[in-house]
Protein backbone atom coordinates (compact mmCIF):
# COMPACT_ATOMS: atom_id res chain seq x y z
CA UNK A 1 29.33 208.20 206.07
CA UNK A 2 25.79 207.87 207.37
CA UNK A 3 24.21 207.82 204.24
CA UNK A 4 26.72 205.60 202.64
CA UNK A 5 26.39 203.03 205.49
CA UNK A 6 22.53 203.40 205.23
CA UNK A 7 22.65 202.63 201.41
CA UNK A 8 25.24 199.72 202.03
CA UNK A 9 22.99 198.25 204.77
CA UNK A 10 20.05 198.40 202.64
CA UNK A 11 21.72 196.96 199.53
CA UNK A 12 23.21 193.96 201.72
CA UNK A 13 19.71 193.07 202.77
CA UNK A 14 18.54 192.64 199.11
CA UNK A 15 21.67 190.78 198.22
CA UNK A 16 21.03 188.15 201.22
CA UNK A 17 17.17 187.81 199.68
CA UNK A 18 18.40 187.16 196.67
CA UNK A 19 20.75 184.40 198.02
CA UNK A 20 18.18 182.92 199.92
CA UNK A 21 16.29 182.71 196.71
CA UNK A 22 19.03 181.06 194.79
CA UNK A 23 20.00 178.64 197.59
CA UNK A 24 16.28 177.39 197.55
CA UNK A 25 16.37 177.24 193.56
CA UNK A 26 19.51 175.17 193.53
CA UNK A 27 17.86 172.72 196.67
CA UNK A 28 20.47 174.10 199.00
CA UNK A 29 17.42 174.51 201.70
CA UNK A 30 19.79 174.37 204.42
CA UNK A 31 21.82 177.52 203.66
CA UNK A 32 18.58 178.97 202.46
CA UNK A 33 16.75 178.16 205.88
CA UNK A 34 19.71 179.42 207.96
CA UNK A 35 20.18 182.71 205.94
CA UNK A 36 16.26 183.57 206.32
CA UNK A 37 16.64 182.80 210.13
CA UNK A 38 19.19 185.58 210.44
CA UNK A 39 17.13 187.79 208.43
CA UNK A 40 14.07 187.29 210.29
CA UNK A 41 15.85 187.69 213.67
CA UNK A 42 17.24 191.15 212.44
CA UNK A 43 13.80 191.88 211.34
CA UNK A 44 12.01 190.71 214.78
CA UNK A 45 14.43 192.58 217.02
CA UNK A 46 14.24 196.01 214.95
CA UNK A 47 10.38 195.59 215.49
CA UNK A 48 10.55 194.97 219.31
CA UNK A 49 12.71 198.19 219.38
CA UNK A 50 10.08 200.16 217.12
CA UNK A 51 7.34 198.76 219.59
CA UNK A 52 9.12 199.89 222.74
CA UNK A 53 10.26 203.30 220.91
CA UNK A 54 6.59 204.19 219.83
CA UNK A 55 4.26 202.44 222.30
CA UNK A 56 3.43 205.71 224.05
CA UNK A 57 2.61 207.32 220.68
CA UNK A 58 0.02 206.73 218.38
CA UNK A 59 -0.80 203.42 216.57
CA UNK A 60 -0.64 205.28 213.23
CA UNK A 61 3.31 206.06 213.75
CA UNK A 62 3.78 202.74 215.10
CA UNK A 63 2.41 201.31 211.87
CA UNK A 64 4.53 203.48 209.75
CA UNK A 65 7.72 202.60 211.55
CA UNK A 66 7.00 199.07 211.44
CA UNK A 67 6.41 199.48 207.83
CA UNK A 68 9.85 200.89 207.53
CA UNK A 69 11.37 197.97 209.10
CA UNK A 70 9.56 195.57 206.84
CA UNK A 71 10.33 197.31 203.73
CA UNK A 72 14.26 197.44 204.51
CA UNK A 73 13.89 201.32 204.45
CA UNK A 74 14.60 201.78 208.22
CA UNK A 75 18.28 202.31 207.95
CA UNK A 76 17.72 205.63 205.57
CA UNK A 77 14.81 206.93 207.71
CA UNK A 78 17.34 206.46 210.84
CA UNK A 79 20.00 208.65 209.10
CA UNK A 80 17.88 211.25 207.80
CA UNK A 81 16.52 211.90 211.28
CA UNK A 82 20.35 212.00 212.60
CA UNK A 83 21.34 214.26 209.79
CA UNK A 84 18.44 216.87 210.22
CA UNK A 85 18.92 216.70 214.23
CA UNK A 86 15.61 215.59 214.95
CA UNK A 87 14.78 215.83 218.64
CA UNK A 88 13.68 212.99 220.94
CA UNK A 89 9.88 212.84 220.76
CA UNK A 90 7.98 212.79 223.92
CA UNK A 91 7.26 209.39 225.46
CA UNK A 92 10.15 207.79 223.12
CA UNK A 93 12.42 205.18 224.52
CA UNK A 94 15.63 206.79 222.97
CA UNK A 95 16.96 209.61 220.98
CA UNK A 96 17.48 209.15 217.02
CA UNK A 97 20.86 208.60 217.10
CA UNK A 98 20.78 206.00 219.83
CA UNK A 99 17.93 204.39 217.89
CA UNK A 100 20.24 204.10 214.94
CA UNK A 101 22.78 202.71 216.84
CA UNK A 102 20.69 199.93 218.42
CA UNK A 103 19.15 199.46 214.90
CA UNK A 104 22.97 198.97 213.46
CA UNK A 105 23.72 196.72 216.23
CA UNK A 106 20.98 194.29 215.50
CA UNK A 107 21.64 194.04 212.08
CA UNK A 108 25.54 193.56 212.43
CA UNK A 109 24.77 190.71 215.03
CA UNK A 110 21.83 189.20 213.79
CA UNK A 111 22.14 189.32 209.95
CA UNK A 112 25.40 190.89 208.46
CA UNK A 113 28.00 188.64 210.66
CA UNK A 114 26.01 185.51 210.36
CA UNK A 115 25.08 185.90 206.75
CA UNK A 116 28.95 186.54 206.19
CA UNK A 117 29.57 183.08 208.18
CA UNK A 118 26.77 181.06 206.39
CA UNK A 119 27.74 182.48 202.80
CA UNK A 120 31.32 181.81 203.22
CA UNK A 121 30.54 177.97 204.44
CA UNK A 122 28.09 177.71 201.45
CA UNK A 123 30.83 178.93 199.30
CA UNK A 124 33.09 175.95 200.41
CA UNK A 125 30.89 173.34 200.38
CA UNK A 126 27.90 174.13 198.26
CA UNK A 127 27.56 174.14 194.43
CA UNK A 128 26.86 177.59 193.91
CA UNK A 129 30.27 179.54 193.95
CA UNK A 130 29.19 182.14 190.94
CA UNK A 131 30.17 185.85 190.91
CA UNK A 132 26.87 186.63 192.66
CA UNK A 133 27.65 184.66 195.64
CA UNK A 134 31.13 186.28 196.03
CA UNK A 135 29.54 189.72 195.40
CA UNK A 136 26.88 189.10 198.09
CA UNK A 137 29.65 187.60 200.68
CA UNK A 138 31.78 190.79 199.93
CA UNK A 139 28.69 192.91 200.68
CA UNK A 140 28.02 191.02 204.04
CA UNK A 141 31.71 191.59 205.23
CA UNK A 142 31.69 195.35 204.06
CA UNK A 143 28.46 195.89 205.59
CA UNK A 144 29.54 194.64 208.96
CA UNK A 145 33.10 195.97 208.80
CA UNK A 146 31.51 199.59 207.85
CA UNK A 147 28.65 199.10 210.73
CA UNK A 148 31.14 198.06 213.69
CA UNK A 149 33.78 200.79 212.68
CA UNK A 150 30.81 203.59 212.62
CA UNK A 151 29.66 202.29 216.04
CA UNK A 152 33.33 202.61 217.70
CA UNK A 153 34.05 205.74 215.92
CA UNK A 154 30.84 207.16 217.07
CA UNK A 155 31.45 206.15 220.68
CA UNK A 156 35.46 207.38 220.83
CA UNK A 157 34.71 210.82 219.31
CA UNK A 158 31.75 211.30 221.63
CA UNK A 159 32.48 213.73 224.33
CA UNK A 160 30.50 211.78 226.88
CA UNK A 161 32.54 208.75 226.34
CA UNK A 162 35.83 210.47 226.71
CA UNK A 163 34.97 212.35 229.73
CA UNK A 164 33.89 209.30 231.40
CA UNK A 165 36.35 206.60 230.34
CA UNK A 166 39.29 208.89 228.98
CA UNK A 167 41.81 205.69 229.53
CA UNK A 168 39.77 203.87 226.93
CA UNK A 169 38.20 206.43 224.53
CA UNK A 170 39.82 209.46 222.67
CA UNK A 171 42.16 207.48 220.29
CA UNK A 172 40.74 209.20 216.96
CA UNK A 173 42.88 212.20 216.52
CA UNK A 174 41.38 215.60 215.90
CA UNK A 175 41.27 216.98 212.17
CA UNK A 176 39.34 216.08 209.19
CA UNK A 177 41.91 214.09 207.33
CA UNK A 178 43.22 212.34 210.36
CA UNK A 179 39.74 211.13 211.21
CA UNK A 180 39.17 210.05 207.72
CA UNK A 181 42.56 208.06 207.71
CA UNK A 182 41.67 206.43 210.97
CA UNK A 183 38.17 205.52 210.09
CA UNK A 184 39.38 203.90 206.67
CA UNK A 185 42.05 202.05 208.24
CA UNK A 186 39.48 200.66 211.12
CA UNK A 187 37.37 199.76 208.46
CA UNK A 188 39.79 197.68 206.80
CA UNK A 189 41.12 196.24 209.86
CA UNK A 190 37.41 194.90 210.66
CA UNK A 191 36.89 193.74 207.30
CA UNK A 192 40.25 191.66 207.18
CA UNK A 193 39.30 190.52 210.70
CA UNK A 194 35.80 189.36 209.91
CA UNK A 195 36.80 187.68 206.70
CA UNK A 196 39.59 185.57 208.66
CA UNK A 197 37.01 184.91 211.38
CA UNK A 198 34.00 183.70 208.89
CA UNK A 199 36.69 181.52 206.94
CA UNK A 200 38.13 179.66 210.10
CA UNK A 201 34.14 179.17 211.18
CA UNK A 202 33.13 178.01 207.74
CA UNK A 203 36.48 175.48 207.72
CA UNK A 204 35.72 174.36 211.33
CA UNK A 205 32.06 173.78 210.29
CA UNK A 206 33.38 171.33 207.50
CA UNK A 207 34.47 169.29 210.26
CA UNK A 208 31.56 169.51 212.66
CA UNK A 209 29.51 171.80 214.73
CA UNK A 210 31.42 170.42 217.77
CA UNK A 211 34.65 172.08 216.06
CA UNK A 212 32.90 175.27 215.61
CA UNK A 213 31.96 175.22 219.30
CA UNK A 214 35.45 174.39 220.75
CA UNK A 215 36.93 177.08 218.23
CA UNK A 216 34.62 179.85 219.33
CA UNK A 217 34.66 178.76 223.14
CA UNK A 218 38.49 178.99 223.21
CA UNK A 219 38.56 182.21 221.24
CA UNK A 220 36.21 184.07 223.28
CA UNK A 221 37.49 182.60 226.70
CA UNK A 222 41.00 184.34 225.81
CA UNK A 223 39.14 187.39 224.65
CA UNK A 224 37.03 187.57 227.94
CA UNK A 225 40.41 186.77 230.13
CA UNK A 226 41.95 189.34 228.32
């Protein structure tokens, strides 16, 4: 699961970069700039995390970690460290598993979800409605859904979470087959939910920015109140 998620994340970044190039080449600079900003935000937050994680270590180690971010190989490196059971280094801010979670959260909030909304809006209103655009949109949705599912799944199966918040965590049953079914079901729900939200935001954006703000404001107010 971790390896597949890392490959999906890296591939999604590659398709987003290609879409930025495609938008620029077809004169749709607004979509290109919006996509580029979301990508740079993700990279920026990851670089900040790398700096905080390694500021007490050697400069060479910090350079290596930043290079992983800039070459989009950080997801794979994080997964490798978690799989081999790497320990938290002396002076590090968090352990490898927590670092991977933060990295995935930044990607989810800064790139995957905004990217899906931007590409959905571009598909509805732009001139580029090719198979490549559809594929890139699907990759963004799948990456965001897989990442959010993985974070929720790991929190729920964590012994600390179950022990301190048993009224919320612990919905994933024991048994490998049951866990696979639950994970797949959570992934499908997340993918459908994100697709519907991205489409709703894109349709509101067609009417204007104020419509998007009103829609999201009402939606989040009801959610927070609940």
